[in-house]
Amino acid sequence: HGYEGVRQIEAHLTNTMGWSATTGQVQPWVYQQLAQTFVLDPAMRERMAQLNPTASAKVANRLLEATRRQYWQPDAETMTALLRAGE
C-alpha cells in the first residue's frame, strides 16, 4: 500500500509500545518478530525506505526505544542493524 502502508506499520509498532507501557503484556518475541520482518530483511527494509523513508526510519527508532525501555533485548547483530536503519 505504498507510502501509507509503511506509515501504518510504524503506527502499529507505536501502538504496540503503548500496550507494553500500559499493560506490560507484550512479550519480547513480538518486538523480535517486528525487527526480523521489517528491519533485518534487507529487501523489506529497502522497499520500505524507498516508499516512505521517514516512517521506515521511525520503525527502527521505535524498536530501539523499546530496547531502552527494556521491553526486549535484541542480540548485538540486531542492535547494529536497528542503529543503521534508524539513521
Protein backbone atom coordinates (compact mmCIF):
# COMPACT_ATOMS: atom_id res chain seq x y z
CA HIS A 1 0.00 0.00 0.00
CA GLY A 2 2.91 2.27 -0.70
CA TYR A 3 3.71 5.33 1.35
CA GLU A 4 0.65 4.98 3.58
CA GLY A 5 1.29 1.29 4.19
CA VAL A 6 4.72 1.99 5.67
CA ARG A 7 3.20 4.70 7.85
CA GLN A 8 0.60 2.20 9.08
CA ILE A 9 3.33 -0.28 10.02
CA GLU A 10 5.05 2.42 12.05
CA ALA A 11 1.74 3.38 13.69
CA HIS A 12 1.09 -0.26 14.61
CA LEU A 13 4.51 -0.51 16.24
CA THR A 14 3.85 2.70 18.16
CA ASN A 15 0.55 1.24 19.41
CA THR A 16 2.32 -1.97 20.41
CA MET A 17 4.74 0.06 22.51
CA GLY A 18 1.78 1.78 24.11
CA TRP A 19 0.37 -1.61 25.06
CA SER A 20 3.74 -2.51 26.59
CA ALA A 21 3.77 0.71 28.58
CA THR A 22 0.20 0.43 29.85
CA THR A 23 -0.29 -3.30 30.29
CA GLY A 24 3.18 -4.85 30.37
CA GLN A 25 1.68 -7.78 28.46
CA VAL A 26 3.55 -7.60 25.12
CA GLN A 27 6.06 -10.43 25.01
CA PRO A 28 9.62 -9.71 23.79
CA TRP A 29 9.23 -12.09 20.84
CA VAL A 30 6.74 -9.62 19.32
CA TYR A 31 9.45 -6.97 19.04
CA GLN A 32 11.93 -9.52 17.73
CA GLN A 33 9.48 -10.61 15.04
CA LEU A 34 8.81 -6.99 14.05
CA ALA A 35 12.55 -6.39 13.77
CA GLN A 36 13.09 -9.53 11.71
CA THR A 37 10.23 -8.75 9.35
CA PHE A 38 10.71 -5.02 8.79
CA VAL A 39 14.36 -4.22 9.57
CA LEU A 40 16.53 -7.34 9.35
CA ASP A 41 15.13 -8.46 5.99
CA PRO A 42 17.24 -6.38 3.56
CA ALA A 43 14.68 -6.47 0.73
CA MET A 44 11.85 -5.37 3.01
CA ARG A 45 13.93 -2.66 4.65
CA GLU A 46 14.93 -1.27 1.25
CA ARG A 47 11.38 -1.39 -0.08
CA MET A 48 10.02 0.44 2.97
CA ALA A 49 12.81 3.03 2.82
CA GLN A 50 12.03 3.75 -0.84
CA LEU A 51 8.29 4.04 -0.23
CA ASN A 52 8.44 6.16 2.94
CA PRO A 53 11.93 6.89 4.27
CA THR A 54 10.71 8.81 7.32
CA ALA A 55 8.33 6.13 8.58
CA SER A 56 10.87 3.42 7.74
CA ALA A 57 13.48 5.08 9.96
CA LYS A 58 10.84 5.54 12.67
CA VAL A 59 10.21 1.78 12.72
CA ALA A 60 13.86 1.17 13.57
CA ASN A 61 13.90 4.01 16.08
CA ARG A 62 10.76 2.71 17.81
CA LEU A 63 12.40 -0.69 18.15
CA LEU A 64 15.47 1.00 19.62
CA GLU A 65 13.22 2.85 22.04
CA ALA A 66 11.66 -0.49 23.03
CA THR A 67 15.13 -1.73 23.97
CA ARG A 68 15.81 1.41 26.04
CA ARG A 69 12.52 0.85 27.86
CA GLN A 70 13.57 -2.78 28.38
CA TYR A 71 10.58 -4.26 26.56
CA TRP A 72 13.03 -6.58 24.80
CA GLN A 73 16.79 -7.11 24.50
CA PRO A 74 17.97 -7.84 20.95
CA ASP A 75 21.26 -9.54 20.19
CA ALA A 76 24.23 -7.45 19.05
CA GLU A 77 23.62 -8.11 15.34
CA THR A 78 20.00 -6.96 15.58
CA MET A 79 21.01 -3.89 17.58
CA THR A 80 23.58 -2.91 14.95
CA ALA A 81 21.01 -3.31 12.16
CA LEU A 82 18.49 -1.19 14.06
CA LEU A 83 21.04 1.56 14.63
CA ARG A 84 21.94 1.61 10.92
CA ALA A 85 18.31 1.60 9.79
CA GLY A 86 17.36 4.38 12.19
CA GLU A 87 19.79 6.88 10.69
